[in-house]
Amino acid sequence: MDTRTLFNVREILLPFSGELPLTPSVHIDDPIFKAIEVMVKHNLYCLPVLRDTRPVGQVRLEDAFAIVGLRMP
């Protein structure tokens, strides 16, 4: 079974700090692999999570890796 389809960003959502720029971002119902892809592509440790166009939280790369079974070095 493909683990990328099992989890979405909502499951590892942290409170929004207000310090992050809103782009790039992911939607609250996006799969975790999309958040990982965006963070790696943009060399980010943390990413804002939006519902519609409003920030509702943030995700950390470490948490996203952990939920799919990877550890950060």
Protein backbone atom coordinates (compact mmCIF):
# COMPACT_ATOMS: atom_id res chain seq x y z
CA MET A 1 0.00 0.00 0.00
CA ASP A 2 1.30 3.46 -0.88
CA THR A 3 1.77 5.42 2.37
CA ARG A 4 1.64 8.74 0.51
CA THR A 5 -2.12 8.37 0.17
CA LEU A 6 -2.72 7.50 3.82
CA PHE A 7 -1.85 10.78 5.52
CA ASN A 8 -2.68 14.40 4.90
CA VAL A 9 -1.24 17.62 6.26
CA ARG A 10 -4.11 17.99 8.75
CA GLU A 11 -2.67 15.09 10.79
CA ILE A 12 0.58 16.88 11.66
CA LEU A 13 -0.71 20.45 11.81
CA LEU A 14 0.93 22.77 14.35
CA PRO A 15 -0.35 26.23 15.36
CA PHE A 16 0.54 29.00 12.90
CA SER A 17 3.37 31.14 14.23
CA GLY A 18 2.56 34.19 12.12
CA GLU A 19 6.24 34.53 11.23
CA LEU A 20 6.10 32.49 8.02
CA PRO A 21 5.45 34.04 4.62
CA LEU A 22 2.29 32.59 3.06
CA THR A 23 4.04 31.41 -0.09
CA PRO A 24 4.91 28.72 -0.73
CA SER A 25 2.23 26.88 1.19
CA VAL A 26 0.04 23.78 1.14
CA HIS A 27 -3.68 23.25 1.71
CA ILE A 28 -4.88 21.57 4.91
CA ASP A 29 -6.18 18.55 2.96
CA ASP A 30 -3.09 18.09 0.78
CA PRO A 31 -1.21 14.81 1.14
CA ILE A 32 1.92 14.91 3.27
CA PHE A 33 4.10 13.98 0.32
CA LYS A 34 3.12 17.30 -1.31
CA ALA A 35 4.27 19.23 1.78
CA ILE A 36 7.56 17.31 1.74
CA GLU A 37 8.02 18.03 -1.95
CA VAL A 38 7.40 21.77 -1.50
CA MET A 39 9.70 22.05 1.53
CA VAL A 40 12.54 20.14 -0.15
CA LYS A 41 12.15 22.06 -3.42
CA HIS A 42 12.30 25.43 -1.62
CA ASN A 43 14.83 24.34 1.04
CA LEU A 44 12.38 25.06 3.91
CA TYR A 45 12.11 23.53 7.36
CA CYS A 46 8.56 24.77 7.99
CA LEU A 47 5.62 25.53 5.71
CA PRO A 48 2.34 27.39 6.25
CA VAL A 49 -0.89 25.46 5.86
CA LEU A 50 -3.92 27.23 4.38
CA ARG A 51 -7.65 26.61 4.37
CA ASP A 52 -9.00 28.52 1.41
CA THR A 53 -6.63 31.52 1.54
CA ARG A 54 -6.22 31.83 5.32
CA PRO A 55 -3.38 30.36 7.37
CA VAL A 56 -4.59 27.72 9.83
CA GLY A 57 -1.29 26.19 10.88
CA GLN A 58 2.13 25.03 9.84
CA VAL A 59 3.97 21.79 9.22
CA ARG A 60 7.60 20.92 9.92
CA LEU A 61 9.71 18.84 7.57
CA GLU A 62 10.84 16.64 10.45
CA ASP A 63 7.21 15.77 11.33
CA ALA A 64 6.30 15.11 7.69
CA PHE A 65 9.28 12.78 7.27
CA ALA A 66 8.48 10.98 10.52
CA ILE A 67 4.89 10.20 9.57
CA VAL A 68 6.00 8.53 6.34
CA GLY A 69 8.74 6.60 8.16
CA LEU A 70 11.83 8.69 7.41
CA ARG A 71 14.28 10.33 9.79
CA MET A 72 16.11 13.58 9.21
CA PRO A 73 19.89 13.29 9.48
